[in-house]
């Protein structure tokens, strides 16, 4: 499984068991290497659930550069802030995906 190898080879130094657990979780969220690289870089390797929630709210990895209280949203996520707080912060700052319909 390519995701497992990416995680195992990452500088974070995850052991095989942790890398396998993370790979399984990421596999539920993303299926392509480019998407995995973008999302794991944006939310952190340990946060596949955050990527999934953000995707459901139609956010993209590049939108996580938007500052919340002067700090990029991705920094909040990488500091283990609750993803719902980050989503609320993005909306508070006036940024959110444009809904069609």
PDB file of N, CA and C in Angstrom:
ATOM      1  N   UNK A   1       0.855  -1.168   0.000  1.00  0.00           N
ATOM      2  CA  UNK A   1       0.000   0.000   0.000  1.00  0.00           C
ATOM      3  C   UNK A   1       0.905   1.237   0.000  1.00  0.00           C
ATOM      4  N   UNK A   2       0.783   2.076  -1.023  1.00  0.00           N
ATOM      5  CA  UNK A   2       1.669   3.228  -1.191  1.00  0.00           C
ATOM      6  C   UNK A   2       1.550   4.234  -0.050  1.00  0.00           C
ATOM      7  N   UNK A   3       0.361   4.406   0.509  1.00  0.00           N
ATOM      8  CA  UNK A   3       0.203   5.360   1.614  1.00  0.00           C
ATOM      9  C   UNK A   3       1.030   4.912   2.818  1.00  0.00           C
ATOM     10  N   UNK A   4       0.994   3.615   3.104  1.00  0.00           N
ATOM     11  CA  UNK A   4       1.772   3.062   4.210  1.00  0.00           C
ATOM     12  C   UNK A   4       3.256   3.388   4.035  1.00  0.00           C
ATOM     13  N   UNK A   5       3.780   3.185   2.823  1.00  0.00           N
ATOM     14  CA  UNK A   5       5.201   3.445   2.568  1.00  0.00           C
ATOM     15  C   UNK A   5       5.526   4.928   2.717  1.00  0.00           C
ATOM     16  N   UNK A   6       4.635   5.793   2.260  1.00  0.00           N
ATOM     17  CA  UNK A   6       4.850   7.240   2.420  1.00  0.00           C
ATOM     18  C   UNK A   6       4.927   7.614   3.899  1.00  0.00           C
ATOM     19  N   UNK A   7       4.027   7.063   4.679  1.00  0.00           N
ATOM     20  CA  UNK A   7       3.992   7.373   6.110  1.00  0.00           C
ATOM     21  C   UNK A   7       5.203   6.780   6.820  1.00  0.00           C
ATOM     22  N   UNK A   8       5.501   5.548   6.505  1.00  0.00           N
ATOM     23  CA  UNK A   8       6.638   4.874   7.134  1.00  0.00           C
ATOM     24  C   UNK A   8       7.954   5.587   6.817  1.00  0.00           C
ATOM     25  N   UNK A   9       8.081   6.111   5.595  1.00  0.00           N
ATOM     26  CA  UNK A   9       9.306   6.796   5.176  1.00  0.00           C
ATOM     27  C   UNK A   9       9.340   8.267   5.561  1.00  0.00           C
ATOM     28  N   UNK A  10       8.276   8.767   6.175  1.00  0.00           N
ATOM     29  CA  UNK A  10       8.223  10.190   6.528  1.00  0.00           C
ATOM     30  C   UNK A  10       9.228  10.505   7.632  1.00  0.00           C
ATOM     31  N   UNK A  11       9.638  11.757   7.714  1.00  0.00           N
ATOM     32  CA  UNK A  11      10.580  12.163   8.767  1.00  0.00           C
ATOM     33  C   UNK A  11      10.035  12.004  10.184  1.00  0.00           C
ATOM     34  N   UNK A  12       8.719  11.813  10.308  1.00  0.00           N
ATOM     35  CA  UNK A  12       8.123  11.682  11.642  1.00  0.00           C
ATOM     36  C   UNK A  12       8.586  10.420  12.364  1.00  0.00           C
ATOM     37  N   UNK A  13       9.034   9.424  11.615  1.00  0.00           N
ATOM     38  CA  UNK A  13       9.565   8.214  12.226  1.00  0.00           C
ATOM     39  C   UNK A  13       8.535   7.307  12.869  1.00  0.00           C
ATOM     40  N   UNK A  14       7.376   7.165  12.241  1.00  0.00           N
ATOM     41  CA  UNK A  14       6.344   6.280  12.774  1.00  0.00           C
ATOM     42  C   UNK A  14       6.791   4.825  12.701  1.00  0.00           C
ATOM     43  N   UNK A  15       6.416   4.039  13.719  1.00  0.00           N
ATOM     44  CA  UNK A  15       6.708   2.613  13.666  1.00  0.00           C
ATOM     45  C   UNK A  15       5.711   1.943  12.715  1.00  0.00           C
ATOM     46  N   UNK A  16       5.944   0.696  12.396  1.00  0.00           N
ATOM     47  CA  UNK A  16       5.114  -0.012  11.407  1.00  0.00           C
ATOM     48  C   UNK A  16       3.647  -0.057  11.807  1.00  0.00           C
ATOM     49  N   UNK A  17       3.374  -0.315  13.052  1.00  0.00           N
ATOM     50  CA  UNK A  17       1.994  -0.421  13.520  1.00  0.00           C
ATOM     51  C   UNK A  17       1.254   0.909  13.374  1.00  0.00           C
ATOM     52  N   UNK A  18       1.884   1.976  13.814  1.00  0.00           N
ATOM     53  CA  UNK A  18       1.270   3.300  13.706  1.00  0.00           C
ATOM     54  C   UNK A  18       1.114   3.702  12.249  1.00  0.00           C
ATOM     55  N   UNK A  19       2.142   3.448  11.449  1.00  0.00           N
ATOM     56  CA  UNK A  19       2.082   3.780  10.019  1.00  0.00           C
ATOM     57  C   UNK A  19       0.941   3.025   9.344  1.00  0.00           C
ATOM     58  N   UNK A  20       0.742   1.773   9.707  1.00  0.00           N
ATOM     59  CA  UNK A  20      -0.334   0.980   9.118  1.00  0.00           C
ATOM     60  C   UNK A  20      -1.700   1.531   9.524  1.00  0.00           C
ATOM     61  N   UNK A  21      -1.855   1.877  10.794  1.00  0.00           N
ATOM     62  CA  UNK A  21      -3.117   2.467  11.260  1.00  0.00           C
ATOM     63  C   UNK A  21      -3.417   3.773  10.538  1.00  0.00           C
ATOM     64  N   UNK A  22      -2.404   4.626  10.411  1.00  0.00           N
ATOM     65  CA  UNK A  22      -2.591   5.888   9.705  1.00  0.00           C
ATOM     66  C   UNK A  22      -2.897   5.668   8.225  1.00  0.00           C
ATOM     67  N   UNK A  23      -2.219   4.718   7.623  1.00  0.00           N
ATOM     68  CA  UNK A  23      -2.456   4.418   6.198  1.00  0.00           C
ATOM     69  C   UNK A  23      -3.895   3.961   5.971  1.00  0.00           C
ATOM     70  N   UNK A  24      -4.387   3.132   6.853  1.00  0.00           N
ATOM     71  CA  UNK A  24      -5.779   2.681   6.731  1.00  0.00           C
ATOM     72  C   UNK A  24      -6.751   3.852   6.858  1.00  0.00           C
ATOM     73  N   UNK A  25      -6.474   4.737   7.791  1.00  0.00           N
ATOM     74  CA  UNK A  25      -7.345   5.901   7.985  1.00  0.00           C
ATOM     75  C   UNK A  25      -7.281   6.836   6.777  1.00  0.00           C
ATOM     76  N   UNK A  26      -6.081   7.090   6.272  1.00  0.00           N
ATOM     77  CA  UNK A  26      -5.935   7.963   5.104  1.00  0.00           C
ATOM     78  C   UNK A  26      -6.581   7.351   3.869  1.00  0.00           C
ATOM     79  N   UNK A  27      -6.513   6.050   3.735  1.00  0.00           N
ATOM     80  CA  UNK A  27      -7.094   5.370   2.569  1.00  0.00           C
ATOM     81  C   UNK A  27      -8.599   5.639   2.486  1.00  0.00           C
ATOM     82  N   UNK A  28      -9.241   5.872   3.627  1.00  0.00           N
ATOM     83  CA  UNK A  28     -10.666   6.186   3.647  1.00  0.00           C
ATOM     84  C   UNK A  28     -10.932   7.611   3.158  1.00  0.00           C
ATOM     85  N   UNK A  29      -9.896   8.456   3.169  1.00  0.00           N
ATOM     86  CA  UNK A  29     -10.050   9.871   2.847  1.00  0.00           C
ATOM     87  C   UNK A  29      -9.598  10.207   1.434  1.00  0.00           C
ATOM     88  N   UNK A  30      -8.505   9.604   1.006  1.00  0.00           N
ATOM     89  CA  UNK A  30      -7.877   9.989  -0.264  1.00  0.00           C
ATOM     90  C   UNK A  30      -7.270   8.770  -0.938  1.00  0.00           C
ATOM     91  N   UNK A  31      -7.288   8.753  -2.256  1.00  0.00           N
ATOM     92  CA  UNK A  31      -6.776   7.587  -2.977  1.00  0.00           C
ATOM     93  C   UNK A  31      -5.675   7.898  -3.972  1.00  0.00           C
ATOM     94  N   UNK A  32      -5.199   9.136  -4.010  1.00  0.00           N
ATOM     95  CA  UNK A  32      -4.137   9.444  -4.971  1.00  0.00           C
ATOM     96  C   UNK A  32      -2.957  10.097  -4.259  1.00  0.00           C
ATOM     97  N   UNK A  33      -1.748   9.847  -4.740  1.00  0.00           N
ATOM     98  CA  UNK A  33      -0.552  10.380  -4.080  1.00  0.00           C
ATOM     99  C   UNK A  33      -0.526  11.904  -3.984  1.00  0.00           C
ATOM    100  N   UNK A  34      -0.991  12.598  -5.013  1.00  0.00           N
ATOM    101  CA  UNK A  34      -0.971  14.055  -4.991  1.00  0.00           C
ATOM    102  C   UNK A  34      -1.924  14.592  -3.911  1.00  0.00           C
ATOM    103  N   UNK A  35      -3.104  14.013  -3.854  1.00  0.00           N
ATOM    104  CA  UNK A  35      -4.063  14.426  -2.838  1.00  0.00           C
ATOM    105  C   UNK A  35      -3.561  14.135  -1.435  1.00  0.00           C
ATOM    106  N   UNK A  36      -2.963  12.968  -1.266  1.00  0.00           N
ATOM    107  CA  UNK A  36      -2.411  12.603   0.033  1.00  0.00           C
ATOM    108  C   UNK A  36      -1.314  13.583   0.437  1.00  0.00           C
ATOM    109  N   UNK A  37      -0.423  13.893  -0.487  1.00  0.00           N
ATOM    110  CA  UNK A  37       0.669  14.817  -0.181  1.00  0.00           C
ATOM    111  C   UNK A  37       0.126  16.189   0.211  1.00  0.00           C
ATOM    112  N   UNK A  38      -0.853  16.674  -0.531  1.00  0.00           N
ATOM    113  CA  UNK A  38      -1.417  17.996  -0.247  1.00  0.00           C
ATOM    114  C   UNK A  38      -2.128  18.026   1.105  1.00  0.00           C
ATOM    115  N   UNK A  39      -2.980  17.040   1.340  1.00  0.00           N
ATOM    116  CA  UNK A  39      -3.754  17.035   2.583  1.00  0.00           C
ATOM    117  C   UNK A  39      -2.892  16.736   3.807  1.00  0.00           C
ATOM    118  N   UNK A  40      -1.996  15.765   3.708  1.00  0.00           N
ATOM    119  CA  UNK A  40      -1.173  15.437   4.879  1.00  0.00           C
ATOM    120  C   UNK A  40      -0.225  16.582   5.215  1.00  0.00           C
ATOM    121  N   UNK A  41       0.218  17.309   4.206  1.00  0.00           N
ATOM    122  CA  UNK A  41       1.048  18.480   4.447  1.00  0.00           C
ATOM    123  C   UNK A  41       0.233  19.589   5.111  1.00  0.00           C
ATOM    124  N   UNK A  42      -1.007  19.728   4.707  1.00  0.00           N
ATOM    125  CA  UNK A  42      -1.859  20.798   5.226  1.00  0.00           C
ATOM    126  C   UNK A  42      -2.343  20.545   6.648  1.00  0.00           C
ATOM    127  N   UNK A  43      -2.740  19.323   6.944  1.00  0.00           N
ATOM    128  CA  UNK A  43      -3.342  19.052   8.259  1.00  0.00           C
ATOM    129  C   UNK A  43      -2.424  18.272   9.197  1.00  0.00           C
ATOM    130  N   UNK A  44      -1.364  17.714   8.659  1.00  0.00           N
ATOM    131  CA  UNK A  44      -0.471  16.879   9.446  1.00  0.00           C
ATOM    132  C   UNK A  44      -0.748  15.409   9.191  1.00  0.00           C
ATOM    133  N   UNK A  45       0.280  14.636   9.228  1.00  0.00           N
ATOM    134  CA  UNK A  45       0.182  13.203   8.915  1.00  0.00           C
ATOM    135  C   UNK A  45      -0.777  12.471   9.865  1.00  0.00           C
ATOM    136  N   UNK A  46      -0.895  12.955  11.092  1.00  0.00           N
ATOM    137  CA  UNK A  46      -1.726  12.275  12.095  1.00  0.00           C
ATOM    138  C   UNK A  46      -3.191  12.671  12.040  1.00  0.00           C
ATOM    139  N   UNK A  47      -3.619  13.507  11.065  1.00  0.00           N
ATOM    140  CA  UNK A  47      -4.962  14.066  11.084  1.00  0.00           C
ATOM    141  C   UNK A  47      -5.833  13.704   9.874  1.00  0.00           C
ATOM    142  N   UNK A  48      -5.914  12.443   9.488  1.00  0.00           N
ATOM    143  CA  UNK A  48      -6.770  12.120   8.342  1.00  0.00           C
ATOM    144  C   UNK A  48      -8.233  12.486   8.575  1.00  0.00           C
ATOM    145  N   UNK A  49      -8.677  12.412   9.826  1.00  0.00           N
ATOM    146  CA  UNK A  49     -10.069  12.750  10.125  1.00  0.00           C
ATOM    147  C   UNK A  49     -10.326  14.232   9.884  1.00  0.00           C
ATOM    148  N   UNK A  50      -9.322  15.072  10.118  1.00  0.00           N
ATOM    149  CA  UNK A  50      -9.460  16.508   9.857  1.00  0.00           C
ATOM    150  C   UNK A  50      -9.582  16.761   8.360  1.00  0.00           C
ATOM    151  N   UNK A  51      -8.764  16.074   7.577  1.00  0.00           N
ATOM    152  CA  UNK A  51      -8.852  16.222   6.120  1.00  0.00           C
ATOM    153  C   UNK A  51     -10.231  15.798   5.627  1.00  0.00           C
ATOM    154  N   UNK A  52     -10.739  14.719   6.148  1.00  0.00           N
ATOM    155  CA  UNK A  52     -12.055  14.238   5.736  1.00  0.00           C
ATOM    156  C   UNK A  52     -13.141  15.266   6.058  1.00  0.00           C
ATOM    157  N   UNK A  53     -13.104  15.822   7.254  1.00  0.00           N
ATOM    158  CA  UNK A  53     -14.100  16.811   7.662  1.00  0.00           C
ATOM    159  C   UNK A  53     -14.002  18.072   6.805  1.00  0.00           C
ATOM    160  N   UNK A  54     -12.801  18.535   6.572  1.00  0.00           N
ATOM    161  CA  UNK A  54     -12.603  19.718   5.733  1.00  0.00           C
ATOM    162  C   UNK A  54     -13.099  19.471   4.306  1.00  0.00           C
ATOM    163  N   UNK A  55     -12.817  18.298   3.775  1.00  0.00           N
ATOM    164  CA  UNK A  55     -13.301  17.957   2.433  1.00  0.00           C
ATOM    165  C   UNK A  55     -14.824  17.961   2.394  1.00  0.00           C
ATOM    166  N   UNK A  56     -15.459  17.456   3.441  1.00  0.00           N
ATOM    167  CA  UNK A  56     -16.923  17.437   3.489  1.00  0.00           C
ATOM    168  C   UNK A  56     -17.496  18.851   3.495  1.00  0.00           C
ATOM    169  N   UNK A  57     -16.736  19.788   4.047  1.00  0.00           N
ATOM    170  CA  UNK A  57     -17.161  21.184   4.076  1.00  0.00           C
ATOM    171  C   UNK A  57     -16.684  21.945   2.833  1.00  0.00           C
ATOM    172  N   UNK A  58     -16.115  21.209   1.889  1.00  0.00           N
ATOM    173  CA  UNK A  58     -15.669  21.737   0.604  1.00  0.00           C
ATOM    174  C   UNK A  58     -14.480  22.684   0.694  1.00  0.00           C
ATOM    175  N   UNK A  59     -13.662  22.496   1.718  1.00  0.00           N
ATOM    176  CA  UNK A  59     -12.403  23.225   1.803  1.00  0.00           C
ATOM    177  C   UNK A  59     -11.347  22.436   1.039  1.00  0.00           C
ATOM    178  N   UNK A  60     -10.325  23.134   0.585  1.00  0.00           N
ATOM    179  CA  UNK A  60      -9.208  22.504  -0.112  1.00  0.00           C
ATOM    180  C   UNK A  60      -7.933  22.771   0.687  1.00  0.00           C
ATOM    181  N   UNK A  61      -6.883  21.980   0.466  1.00  0.00           N
ATOM    182  CA  UNK A  61      -5.649  22.198   1.227  1.00  0.00           C
ATOM    183  C   UNK A  61      -5.106  23.626   1.116  1.00  0.00           C
ATOM    184  N   UNK A  62      -5.186  24.229  -0.063  1.00  0.00           N
ATOM    185  CA  UNK A  62      -4.653  25.573  -0.222  1.00  0.00           C
ATOM    186  C   UNK A  62      -5.432  26.612   0.584  1.00  0.00           C
ATOM    187  N   UNK A  63      -6.680  26.339   0.892  1.00  0.00           N
ATOM    188  CA  UNK A  63      -7.484  27.266   1.695  1.00  0.00           C
ATOM    189  C   UNK A  63      -6.994  27.322   3.143  1.00  0.00           C
ATOM    190  N   UNK A  64      -6.189  26.363   3.539  1.00  0.00           N
ATOM    191  CA  UNK A  64      -5.716  26.316   4.920  1.00  0.00           C
ATOM    192  C   UNK A  64      -4.549  27.269   5.176  1.00  0.00           C
ATOM    193  N   UNK A  65      -4.173  28.048   4.158  1.00  0.00           N
ATOM    194  CA  UNK A  65      -3.195  29.127   4.348  1.00  0.00           C
ATOM    195  C   UNK A  65      -3.882  30.378   4.898  1.00  0.00           C
ATOM    196  N   UNK A  66      -5.206  30.398   4.839  1.00  0.00           N
ATOM    197  CA  UNK A  66      -5.985  31.542   5.313  1.00  0.00           C
ATOM    198  C   UNK A  66      -5.739  31.720   6.810  1.00  0.00           C
ATOM    199  N   UNK A  67      -5.455  32.943   7.233  1.00  0.00           N
ATOM    200  CA  UNK A  67      -5.195  33.157   8.661  1.00  0.00           C
ATOM    201  C   UNK A  67      -6.466  33.209   9.507  1.00  0.00           C
ATOM    202  N   UNK A  68      -6.354  32.607  10.663  1.00  0.00           N
ATOM    203  CA  UNK A  68      -7.366  32.707  11.713  1.00  0.00           C
ATOM    204  C   UNK A  68      -6.643  33.357  12.881  1.00  0.00           C
ATOM    205  N   UNK A  69      -7.130  34.527  13.276  1.00  0.00           N
ATOM    206  CA  UNK A  69      -6.474  35.281  14.360  1.00  0.00           C
ATOM    207  C   UNK A  69      -4.986  35.459  14.078  1.00  0.00           C
ATOM    208  N   UNK A  70      -4.656  35.714  12.812  1.00  0.00           N
ATOM    209  CA  UNK A  70      -3.286  35.998  12.419  1.00  0.00           C
ATOM    210  C   UNK A  70      -2.387  34.791  12.185  1.00  0.00           C
ATOM    211  N   UNK A  71      -2.931  33.603  12.326  1.00  0.00           N
ATOM    212  CA  UNK A  71      -2.134  32.381  12.190  1.00  0.00           C
ATOM    213  C   UNK A  71      -2.801  31.495  11.141  1.00  0.00           C
ATOM    214  N   UNK A  72      -2.050  30.934  10.165  1.00  0.00           N
ATOM    215  CA  UNK A  72      -2.675  30.101   9.144  1.00  0.00           C
ATOM    216  C   UNK A  72      -3.486  28.948   9.754  1.00  0.00           C
ATOM    217  N   UNK A  73      -4.612  28.659   9.134  1.00  0.00           N
ATOM    218  CA  UNK A  73      -5.487  27.581   9.619  1.00  0.00           C
ATOM    219  C   UNK A  73      -4.721  26.278   9.762  1.00  0.00           C
ATOM    220  N   UNK A  74      -3.828  26.006   8.830  1.00  0.00           N
ATOM    221  CA  UNK A  74      -3.049  24.761   8.906  1.00  0.00           C
ATOM    222  C   UNK A  74      -2.227  24.688  10.194  1.00  0.00           C
ATOM    223  N   UNK A  75      -1.767  25.825  10.691  1.00  0.00           N
ATOM    224  CA  UNK A  75      -1.009  25.836  11.953  1.00  0.00           C
ATOM    225  C   UNK A  75      -1.886  25.431  13.125  1.00  0.00           C
ATOM    226  N   UNK A  76      -3.136  25.877  13.103  1.00  0.00           N
ATOM    227  CA  UNK A  76      -4.073  25.482  14.158  1.00  0.00           C
ATOM    228  C   UNK A  76      -4.276  23.964  14.131  1.00  0.00           C
ATOM    229  N   UNK A  77      -4.435  23.421  12.924  1.00  0.00           N
ATOM    230  CA  UNK A  77      -4.654  21.976  12.803  1.00  0.00           C
ATOM    231  C   UNK A  77      -3.419  21.188  13.243  1.00  0.00           C
ATOM    232  N   UNK A  78      -2.265  21.657  12.844  1.00  0.00           N
ATOM    233  CA  UNK A  78      -1.030  20.955  13.199  1.00  0.00           C
ATOM    234  C   UNK A  78      -0.731  21.056  14.693  1.00  0.00           C
ATOM    235  N   UNK A  79      -1.367  22.016  15.362  1.00  0.00           N
ATOM    236  CA  UNK A  79      -1.236  22.153  16.823  1.00  0.00           C
ATOM    237  C   UNK A  79      -2.364  21.405  17.542  1.00  0.00           C
ATOM    238  N   UNK A  80      -3.026  20.516  16.812  1.00  0.00           N
ATOM    239  CA  UNK A  80      -4.078  19.649  17.356  1.00  0.00           C
ATOM    240  C   UNK A  80      -5.342  20.379  17.795  1.00  0.00           C
ATOM    241  N   UNK A  81      -5.608  21.534  17.211  1.00  0.00           N
ATOM    242  CA  UNK A  81      -6.887  22.187  17.481  1.00  0.00           C
ATOM    243  C   UNK A  81      -7.998  21.381  16.831  1.00  0.00           C
ATOM    244  N   UNK A  82      -9.158  21.407  17.434  1.00  0.00           N
ATOM    245  CA  UNK A  82     -10.308  20.697  16.902  1.00  0.00           C
ATOM    246  C   UNK A  82     -10.645  21.224  15.512  1.00  0.00           C
ATOM    247  N   UNK A  83     -10.870  20.307  14.590  1.00  0.00           N
ATOM    248  CA  UNK A  83     -11.135  20.699  13.207  1.00  0.00           C
ATOM    249  C   UNK A  83     -12.386  21.559  13.089  1.00  0.00           C
ATOM    250  N   UNK A  84     -13.363  21.322  13.937  1.00  0.00           N
ATOM    251  CA  UNK A  84     -14.585  22.126  13.889  1.00  0.00           C
ATOM    252  C   UNK A  84     -14.325  23.572  14.317  1.00  0.00           C
ATOM    253  N   UNK A  85     -13.410  23.779  15.260  1.00  0.00           N
ATOM    254  CA  UNK A  85     -13.009  25.129  15.640  1.00  0.00           C
ATOM    255  C   UNK A  85     -12.336  25.836  14.472  1.00  0.00           C
ATOM    256  N   UNK A  86     -11.513  25.099  13.751  1.00  0.00           N
ATOM    257  CA  UNK A  86     -10.804  25.670  12.605  1.00  0.00           C
ATOM    258  C   UNK A  86     -11.799  26.022  11.499  1.00  0.00           C
ATOM    259  N   UNK A  87     -12.733  25.125  11.226  1.00  0.00           N
ATOM    260  CA  UNK A  87     -13.754  25.405  10.214  1.00  0.00           C
ATOM    261  C   UNK A  87     -14.558  26.642  10.606  1.00  0.00           C
ATOM    262  N   UNK A  88     -14.970  26.716  11.859  1.00  0.00           N
ATOM    263  CA  UNK A  88     -15.718  27.880  12.337  1.00  0.00           C
ATOM    264  C   UNK A  88     -14.875  29.149  12.199  1.00  0.00           C
ATOM    265  N   UNK A  89     -13.596  29.050  12.506  1.00  0.00           N
ATOM    266  CA  UNK A  89     -12.701  30.194  12.375  1.00  0.00           C
ATOM    267  C   UNK A  89     -12.572  30.662  10.938  1.00  0.00           C
ATOM    268  N   UNK A  90     -12.489  29.729  10.018  1.00  0.00           N
ATOM    269  CA  UNK A  90     -12.407  30.099   8.605  1.00  0.00           C
ATOM    270  C   UNK A  90     -13.657  30.836   8.160  1.00  0.00           C
ATOM    271  N   UNK A  91     -14.809  30.343   8.587  1.00  0.00           N
ATOM    272  CA  UNK A  91     -16.053  31.029   8.247  1.00  0.00           C
ATOM    273  C   UNK A  91     -16.134  32.399   8.918  1.00  0.00           C
ATOM    274  N   UNK A  92     -15.687  32.486  10.175  1.00  0.00           N
ATOM    275  CA  UNK A  92     -15.681  33.768  10.895  1.00  0.00           C
ATOM    276  C   UNK A  92     -14.819  34.803  10.171  1.00  0.00           C
ATOM    277  N   UNK A  93     -13.723  34.328   9.613  1.00  0.00           N
ATOM    278  CA  UNK A  93     -12.814  35.218   8.891  1.00  0.00           C
ATOM    279  C   UNK A  93     -13.363  35.587   7.507  1.00  0.00           C
ATOM    280  N   UNK A  94     -14.525  35.011   7.169  1.00  0.00           N
ATOM    281  CA  UNK A  94     -15.161  35.348   5.902  1.00  0.00           C
ATOM    282  C   UNK A  94     -14.747  34.470   4.744  1.00  0.00           C
ATOM    283  N   UNK A  95     -14.109  33.343   5.068  1.00  0.00           N
ATOM    284  CA  UNK A  95     -13.660  32.436   4.027  1.00  0.00           C
ATOM    285  C   UNK A  95     -14.387  31.111   4.152  1.00  0.00           C
ATOM    286  N   UNK A  96     -14.921  30.690   3.069  1.00  0.00           N
ATOM    287  CA  UNK A  96     -15.580  29.392   3.011  1.00  0.00           C
ATOM    288  C   UNK A  96     -15.790  29.045   1.561  1.00  0.00           C
ATOM    289  N   UNK A  97     -15.927  27.797   1.282  1.00  0.00           N
ATOM    290  CA  UNK A  97     -16.148  27.406  -0.106  1.00  0.00           C
ATOM    291  C   UNK A  97     -17.464  27.978  -0.620  1.00  0.00           C
ATOM    292  N   UNK A  98     -17.458  28.338  -1.855  1.00  0.00           N
ATOM    293  CA  UNK A  98     -18.682  28.831  -2.475  1.00  0.00           C
ATOM    294  C   UNK A  98     -19.567  27.633  -2.806  1.00  0.00           C
ATOM    295  N   UNK A  99     -20.754  27.636  -2.272  1.00  0.00           N
ATOM    296  CA  UNK A  99     -21.695  26.556  -2.528  1.00  0.00           C
ATOM    297  C   UNK A  99     -22.444  26.831  -3.813  1.00  0.00           C
ATOM    298  N   UNK A 100     -22.593  25.790  -4.590  1.00  0.00           N
ATOM    299  CA  UNK A 100     -23.347  25.908  -5.829  1.00  0.00           C
ATOM    300  C   UNK A 100     -24.782  25.502  -5.567  1.00  0.00           C
ATOM    301  N   UNK A 101     -25.681  26.082  -6.337  1.00  0.00           N
ATOM    302  CA  UNK A 101     -27.053  25.634  -6.205  1.00  0.00           C
ATOM    303  C   UNK A 101     -27.947  26.729  -6.075  1.00  0.00           C
TER     304      UNK A 101
END
